[in-house]
Structure formats: C-alpha cells, structure tokens
Amino acid sequence: MTEYRIRLHNCAFFARHGLFSEEETLGQRFFVDAELVVNGTTALEDDDFEKVVDYGAAFKVIERIVTGTRRFLIESLALDVAKDICASFPIVKSVTVTIRKPSAPVQGILDYAEVSVTYPQNDV
C-alpha cells in the first residue's frame, strides 16, 4: 500500500499559551507545522478526493486546538494537536507537530522556542 505525506508549514495563530500570567493576558503568535503520514489506499491511483485527507480540514483541526483551551506547555499543545489529527482522520498513520513560540519569555535573544511531538496511531 502506498503511503504519502502531507506537510502544513508555518500555520500562524494568535493564542494565550504559557506559564506566566502575562502570556495569558497579552497573548502572542504561535507557528505550527504538521507532517501527516497517510495510508494511501487506492486514492492516489484513482485520483479520488473522498479517500484522502483534506488538508484544509486538517488546518481547521490545528486552528481549533491552538486557539482553544490555554495550555501551560507548548509540548502539551503539540501532543493535543497530534492526537486530534489522528482521531479526526483514521487513515493518518502518524503525525509530527512542531510548534514555534517566537516571543518565548527567556532572558536572551532568540528567534523562537520550538518543540516537536510525533504521535503514532497504532490501530491503523
């Protein structure tokens, strides 16, 4: 069976995640990448939209989680996104979610703090 990958890069959202009260009060932008490994079934040979993952719908899943409930850890946020993508699209074998936080509250100069989480869906 053919597998394929969908990559969504630099999805940008405004949210209020973080440990500190200022992060909740002010909020900030978060950038998300997702790489989905998908069982291709016969969709690729058949050119059948109904048998593939709609990446617009995958974006909406990411958006709903990232702009929803506040998390203290972006690691937890990434895991929640990955789990929800796998639950929403049963043909997804695994997903790696990377979240960048450009305004991380650290004493120093950096472009962003970044975490990546890979979540396999074992029953596919």
N, C-alpha and C. Protein backbone atom coordinates (compact mmCIF):
# COMPACT_ATOMS: atom_id res chain seq x y z
N MET A 1 0.85 -1.19 0.00
CA MET A 1 0.00 0.00 0.00
C MET A 1 0.89 1.25 0.00
N THR A 2 0.56 2.18 -0.82
CA THR A 2 1.31 3.43 -0.92
C THR A 2 0.97 4.33 0.26
N GLU A 3 1.99 4.92 0.85
CA GLU A 3 1.72 5.96 1.84
C GLU A 3 2.23 7.27 1.28
N TYR A 4 1.65 8.34 1.79
CA TYR A 4 2.09 9.66 1.36
C TYR A 4 2.13 10.58 2.56
N ARG A 5 2.70 11.75 2.38
CA ARG A 5 2.84 12.72 3.46
C ARG A 5 2.19 14.04 3.06
N ILE A 6 1.55 14.63 4.02
CA ILE A 6 1.01 15.98 3.88
C ILE A 6 1.79 16.85 4.86
N ARG A 7 2.32 17.95 4.38
CA ARG A 7 3.04 18.88 5.25
C ARG A 7 2.35 20.24 5.21
N LEU A 8 2.00 20.73 6.36
CA LEU A 8 1.46 22.08 6.50
C LEU A 8 2.53 22.88 7.26
N HIS A 9 3.02 23.93 6.64
CA HIS A 9 4.13 24.70 7.22
C HIS A 9 3.70 26.10 7.61
N ASN A 10 4.13 26.50 8.79
CA ASN A 10 4.01 27.88 9.26
C ASN A 10 2.56 28.35 9.38
N CYS A 11 1.70 27.48 9.85
CA CYS A 11 0.32 27.89 10.15
C CYS A 11 0.41 28.86 11.34
N ALA A 12 -0.14 30.04 11.21
CA ALA A 12 0.01 31.08 12.24
C ALA A 12 -1.31 31.32 12.96
N PHE A 13 -1.22 31.39 14.30
CA PHE A 13 -2.41 31.61 15.12
C PHE A 13 -2.05 32.51 16.30
N PHE A 14 -3.02 33.30 16.73
CA PHE A 14 -2.87 34.09 17.95
C PHE A 14 -3.50 33.30 19.09
N ALA A 15 -2.76 33.12 20.18
CA ALA A 15 -3.27 32.35 21.31
C ALA A 15 -2.61 32.83 22.60
N ARG A 16 -2.98 32.20 23.72
CA ARG A 16 -2.55 32.66 25.04
C ARG A 16 -1.90 31.55 25.86
N HIS A 17 -1.06 30.73 25.25
CA HIS A 17 -0.42 29.62 25.95
C HIS A 17 0.84 30.08 26.67
N GLY A 18 1.16 29.41 27.77
CA GLY A 18 2.38 29.69 28.50
C GLY A 18 2.16 29.66 30.00
N LEU A 19 3.26 29.64 30.73
CA LEU A 19 3.21 29.53 32.19
C LEU A 19 2.85 30.84 32.89
N PHE A 20 3.23 31.95 32.30
CA PHE A 20 3.14 33.21 33.00
C PHE A 20 1.83 33.94 32.73
N SER A 21 1.36 34.69 33.73
CA SER A 21 0.09 35.40 33.60
C SER A 21 0.15 36.42 32.46
N GLU A 22 1.32 37.00 32.21
CA GLU A 22 1.45 37.97 31.13
C GLU A 22 1.20 37.32 29.77
N GLU A 23 1.56 36.05 29.65
CA GLU A 23 1.34 35.34 28.39
C GLU A 23 -0.16 35.13 28.15
N GLU A 24 -0.88 34.90 29.22
CA GLU A 24 -2.34 34.76 29.09
C GLU A 24 -2.97 36.12 28.80
N THR A 25 -2.51 37.16 29.47
CA THR A 25 -3.08 38.50 29.30
C THR A 25 -2.80 39.07 27.91
N LEU A 26 -1.55 39.00 27.48
CA LEU A 26 -1.15 39.62 26.22
C LEU A 26 -1.36 38.72 25.01
N GLY A 27 -1.16 37.42 25.18
CA GLY A 27 -1.21 36.51 24.06
C GLY A 27 -0.05 36.74 23.10
N GLN A 28 0.06 35.90 22.11
CA GLN A 28 1.12 36.02 21.12
C GLN A 28 0.83 35.10 19.95
N ARG A 29 1.65 35.23 18.92
CA ARG A 29 1.50 34.33 17.77
C ARG A 29 2.25 33.03 18.02
N PHE A 30 1.68 31.97 17.51
CA PHE A 30 2.31 30.65 17.52
C PHE A 30 2.31 30.16 16.08
N PHE A 31 3.38 29.47 15.71
CA PHE A 31 3.51 28.93 14.36
C PHE A 31 3.57 27.41 14.45
N VAL A 32 2.79 26.76 13.61
CA VAL A 32 2.65 25.31 13.69
C VAL A 32 2.97 24.68 12.34
N ASP A 33 3.77 23.60 12.39
CA ASP A 33 3.99 22.74 11.25
C ASP A 33 3.40 21.38 11.60
N ALA A 34 2.82 20.72 10.63
CA ALA A 34 2.32 19.36 10.84
C ALA A 34 2.71 18.52 9.63
N GLU A 35 3.25 17.35 9.91
CA GLU A 35 3.55 16.38 8.87
C GLU A 35 2.76 15.12 9.15
N LEU A 36 1.83 14.83 8.26
CA LEU A 36 0.96 13.67 8.41
C LEU A 36 1.45 12.56 7.49
N VAL A 37 1.62 11.37 8.04
CA VAL A 37 1.94 10.19 7.24
C VAL A 37 0.63 9.45 7.06
N VAL A 38 0.23 9.26 5.79
CA VAL A 38 -1.12 8.80 5.47
C VAL A 38 -1.06 7.49 4.68
N ASN A 39 -1.93 6.55 5.03
CA ASN A 39 -2.14 5.35 4.21
C ASN A 39 -2.83 5.78 2.94
N GLY A 40 -2.24 5.47 1.80
CA GLY A 40 -2.76 5.96 0.53
C GLY A 40 -3.97 5.23 0.00
N THR A 41 -4.27 4.05 0.53
CA THR A 41 -5.32 3.20 -0.02
C THR A 41 -5.21 3.20 -1.54
N THR A 42 -6.30 3.35 -2.24
CA THR A 42 -6.25 3.44 -3.71
C THR A 42 -6.46 4.87 -4.18
N ALA A 43 -6.49 5.80 -3.25
CA ALA A 43 -6.81 7.19 -3.59
C ALA A 43 -5.86 7.80 -4.61
N LEU A 44 -4.59 7.50 -4.50
CA LEU A 44 -3.63 8.12 -5.40
C LEU A 44 -3.78 7.62 -6.83
N GLU A 45 -4.00 6.31 -6.98
CA GLU A 45 -4.20 5.77 -8.31
C GLU A 45 -5.53 6.21 -8.91
N ASP A 46 -6.54 6.32 -8.06
CA ASP A 46 -7.89 6.66 -8.52
C ASP A 46 -8.14 8.17 -8.61
N ASP A 47 -7.19 8.98 -8.09
CA ASP A 47 -7.37 10.43 -8.05
C ASP A 47 -8.69 10.77 -7.37
N ASP A 48 -8.90 10.16 -6.20
CA ASP A 48 -10.19 10.24 -5.50
C ASP A 48 -10.08 11.08 -4.24
N PHE A 49 -10.64 12.28 -4.29
CA PHE A 49 -10.60 13.22 -3.17
C PHE A 49 -11.26 12.65 -1.92
N GLU A 50 -12.27 11.83 -2.08
CA GLU A 50 -13.00 11.28 -0.94
C GLU A 50 -12.17 10.33 -0.10
N LYS A 51 -11.06 9.83 -0.63
CA LYS A 51 -10.25 8.83 0.08
C LYS A 51 -8.95 9.40 0.64
N VAL A 52 -8.77 10.70 0.60
CA VAL A 52 -7.55 11.32 1.10
C VAL A 52 -7.88 12.24 2.28
N VAL A 53 -6.83 12.74 2.92
CA VAL A 53 -7.00 13.72 3.99
C VAL A 53 -7.11 15.10 3.35
N ASP A 54 -8.16 15.80 3.66
CA ASP A 54 -8.36 17.17 3.19
C ASP A 54 -7.47 18.07 4.04
N TYR A 55 -6.43 18.65 3.44
CA TYR A 55 -5.51 19.44 4.26
C TYR A 55 -6.14 20.73 4.76
N GLY A 56 -7.18 21.20 4.12
CA GLY A 56 -7.92 22.34 4.67
C GLY A 56 -8.62 21.97 5.96
N ALA A 57 -9.18 20.76 6.00
CA ALA A 57 -9.82 20.27 7.22
C ALA A 57 -8.77 20.02 8.31
N ALA A 58 -7.59 19.54 7.92
CA ALA A 58 -6.50 19.34 8.89
C ALA A 58 -6.08 20.68 9.49
N PHE A 59 -6.01 21.72 8.66
CA PHE A 59 -5.69 23.06 9.15
C PHE A 59 -6.71 23.50 10.20
N LYS A 60 -7.98 23.24 9.93
CA LYS A 60 -9.04 23.64 10.86
C LYS A 60 -8.91 22.91 12.20
N VAL A 61 -8.49 21.66 12.18
CA VAL A 61 -8.25 20.93 13.44
C VAL A 61 -7.14 21.62 14.22
N ILE A 62 -6.06 21.94 13.55
CA ILE A 62 -4.93 22.62 14.21
C ILE A 62 -5.40 23.95 14.79
N GLU A 63 -6.12 24.71 13.99
CA GLU A 63 -6.61 26.03 14.43
C GLU A 63 -7.49 25.91 15.68
N ARG A 64 -8.41 24.95 15.67
CA ARG A 64 -9.33 24.78 16.80
C ARG A 64 -8.58 24.48 18.10
N ILE A 65 -7.58 23.62 18.02
CA ILE A 65 -6.83 23.26 19.22
C ILE A 65 -5.94 24.41 19.68
N VAL A 66 -5.20 25.01 18.74
CA VAL A 66 -4.25 26.06 19.12
C VAL A 66 -4.96 27.30 19.65
N THR A 67 -6.09 27.65 19.09
CA THR A 67 -6.80 28.87 19.55
C THR A 67 -7.81 28.57 20.65
N GLY A 68 -7.87 27.32 21.08
CA GLY A 68 -8.84 26.93 22.11
C GLY A 68 -8.27 27.05 23.51
N THR A 69 -8.45 26.02 24.29
CA THR A 69 -8.07 26.00 25.70
C THR A 69 -6.59 26.29 25.90
N ARG A 70 -6.30 27.14 26.86
CA ARG A 70 -4.92 27.50 27.18
C ARG A 70 -4.16 26.30 27.75
N ARG A 71 -2.94 26.12 27.27
CA ARG A 71 -2.02 25.13 27.83
C ARG A 71 -0.82 25.87 28.41
N PHE A 72 -0.27 25.35 29.49
CA PHE A 72 0.94 25.93 30.05
C PHE A 72 2.16 25.55 29.21
N LEU A 73 2.16 24.35 28.64
CA LEU A 73 3.30 23.84 27.89
C LEU A 73 2.97 23.73 26.40
N ILE A 74 3.86 24.23 25.55
CA ILE A 74 3.63 24.03 24.13
C ILE A 74 3.84 22.56 23.76
N GLU A 75 4.55 21.80 24.58
CA GLU A 75 4.67 20.37 24.37
C GLU A 75 3.30 19.69 24.47
N SER A 76 2.53 20.09 25.47
CA SER A 76 1.17 19.55 25.63
C SER A 76 0.27 19.98 24.49
N LEU A 77 0.43 21.21 24.06
CA LEU A 77 -0.34 21.72 22.93
C LEU A 77 -0.05 20.91 21.68
N ALA A 78 1.22 20.65 21.41
CA ALA A 78 1.60 19.86 20.23
C ALA A 78 1.03 18.45 20.30
N LEU A 79 1.08 17.82 21.47
CA LEU A 79 0.52 16.48 21.62
C LEU A 79 -0.98 16.49 21.38
N ASP A 80 -1.68 17.48 21.92
CA ASP A 80 -3.14 17.56 21.71
C ASP A 80 -3.48 17.72 20.24
N VAL A 81 -2.72 18.54 19.52
CA VAL A 81 -2.95 18.71 18.08
C VAL A 81 -2.73 17.38 17.36
N ALA A 82 -1.63 16.71 17.68
CA ALA A 82 -1.32 15.44 17.02
C ALA A 82 -2.39 14.39 17.28
N LYS A 83 -2.83 14.27 18.52
CA LYS A 83 -3.87 13.29 18.85
C LYS A 83 -5.18 13.60 18.12
N ASP A 84 -5.54 14.87 18.05
CA ASP A 84 -6.80 15.24 17.41
C ASP A 84 -6.75 15.01 15.90
N ILE A 85 -5.60 15.26 15.29
CA ILE A 85 -5.48 14.97 13.86
C ILE A 85 -5.65 13.48 13.60
N CYS A 86 -4.99 12.64 14.40
CA CYS A 86 -5.12 11.19 14.23
C CYS A 86 -6.56 10.74 14.47
N ALA A 87 -7.23 11.32 15.45
CA ALA A 87 -8.61 10.94 15.73
C ALA A 87 -9.56 11.42 14.63
N SER A 88 -9.25 12.55 14.03
CA SER A 88 -10.12 13.11 13.00
C SER A 88 -9.98 12.44 11.65
N PHE A 89 -8.82 11.85 11.40
CA PHE A 89 -8.53 11.26 10.09
C PHE A 89 -7.96 9.85 10.29
N PRO A 90 -8.81 8.84 10.30
CA PRO A 90 -8.36 7.48 10.60
C PRO A 90 -7.29 6.92 9.67
N ILE A 91 -7.13 7.47 8.46
CA ILE A 91 -6.10 6.94 7.57
C ILE A 91 -4.72 7.54 7.87
N VAL A 92 -4.63 8.46 8.83
CA VAL A 92 -3.33 9.00 9.23
C VAL A 92 -2.63 7.98 10.11
N LYS A 93 -1.44 7.55 9.69
CA LYS A 93 -0.65 6.59 10.46
C LYS A 93 0.07 7.26 11.63
N SER A 94 0.61 8.43 11.38
CA SER A 94 1.29 9.20 12.42
C SER A 94 1.35 10.65 11.99
N VAL A 95 1.61 11.50 12.97
CA VAL A 95 1.73 12.92 12.68
C VAL A 95 2.82 13.50 13.58
N THR A 96 3.62 14.39 12.98
CA THR A 96 4.60 15.14 13.76
C THR A 96 4.15 16.59 13.74
N VAL A 97 3.98 17.15 14.94
CA VAL A 97 3.55 18.53 15.09
C VAL A 97 4.69 19.32 15.72
N THR A 98 5.05 20.42 15.08
CA THR A 98 6.09 21.31 15.59
C THR A 98 5.44 22.66 15.87
N ILE A 99 5.71 23.18 17.07
CA ILE A 99 5.16 24.48 17.44
C ILE A 99 6.31 25.42 17.78
N ARG A 100 6.26 26.61 17.17
CA ARG A 100 7.25 27.64 17.44
C ARG A 100 6.60 28.79 18.20
N LYS A 101 7.31 29.25 19.20
CA LYS A 101 6.85 30.35 20.04
C LYS A 101 7.90 31.46 19.95
N PRO A 102 7.68 32.45 19.07
CA PRO A 102 8.71 33.47 18.86
C PRO A 102 8.90 34.42 20.04
N SER A 103 7.90 34.60 20.84
CA SER A 103 8.02 35.52 21.98
C SER A 103 8.17 34.75 23.28
N ALA A 104 8.96 33.70 23.26
CA ALA A 104 9.19 32.92 24.47
C ALA A 104 9.85 33.81 25.53
N PRO A 105 9.37 33.74 26.77
CA PRO A 105 9.90 34.62 27.82
C PRO A 105 11.23 34.10 28.38
N VAL A 106 12.29 34.32 27.63
CA VAL A 106 13.63 33.94 28.08
C VAL A 106 14.50 35.19 28.12
N GLN A 107 15.49 35.16 28.97
CA GLN A 107 16.40 36.29 29.06
C GLN A 107 17.53 36.06 28.07
N GLY A 108 17.34 36.56 26.90
CA GLY A 108 18.32 36.39 25.84
C GLY A 108 17.67 36.61 24.50
N ILE A 109 18.48 36.57 23.47
CA ILE A 109 17.99 36.82 22.12
C ILE A 109 17.87 35.49 21.39
N LEU A 110 16.70 35.23 20.85
CA LEU A 110 16.48 34.03 20.06
C LEU A 110 15.36 34.29 19.08
N ASP A 111 15.32 33.52 18.02
CA ASP A 111 14.25 33.65 17.04
C ASP A 111 12.95 33.08 17.60
N TYR A 112 13.03 31.91 18.22
CA TYR A 112 11.85 31.27 18.77
C TYR A 112 12.25 30.05 19.58
N ALA A 113 11.37 29.62 20.45
CA ALA A 113 11.48 28.32 21.10
C ALA A 113 10.61 27.37 20.28
N GLU A 114 11.05 26.13 20.14
CA GLU A 114 10.34 25.18 19.28
C GLU A 114 10.33 23.80 19.93
N VAL A 115 9.17 23.13 19.81
CA VAL A 115 9.06 21.73 20.23
C VAL A 115 8.41 20.94 19.10
N SER A 116 8.75 19.65 19.04
CA SER A 116 8.12 18.74 18.09
C SER A 116 7.67 17.50 18.83
N VAL A 117 6.49 17.04 18.48
CA VAL A 117 5.93 15.81 19.06
C VAL A 117 5.46 14.94 17.91
N THR A 118 5.82 13.65 17.97
CA THR A 118 5.33 12.68 17.00
C THR A 118 4.38 11.75 17.71
N TYR A 119 3.20 11.57 17.13
CA TYR A 119 2.19 10.72 17.74
C TYR A 119 1.78 9.66 16.73
N PRO A 120 2.04 8.39 17.03
CA PRO A 120 1.56 7.33 16.12
C PRO A 120 0.15 6.90 16.51
N GLN A 121 -0.59 6.52 15.51
CA GLN A 121 -1.89 5.92 15.74
C GLN A 121 -1.71 4.44 15.48
N ASN A 122 -1.71 3.64 16.53
CA ASN A 122 -1.32 2.24 16.44
C ASN A 122 -2.33 1.33 15.77
N ASP A 123 -3.59 1.73 15.74
CA ASP A 123 -4.61 0.81 15.23
C ASP A 123 -4.92 1.00 13.76
N VAL A 124 -4.07 1.70 13.02
CA VAL A 124 -4.31 1.89 11.58
C VAL A 124 -3.57 0.80 10.82
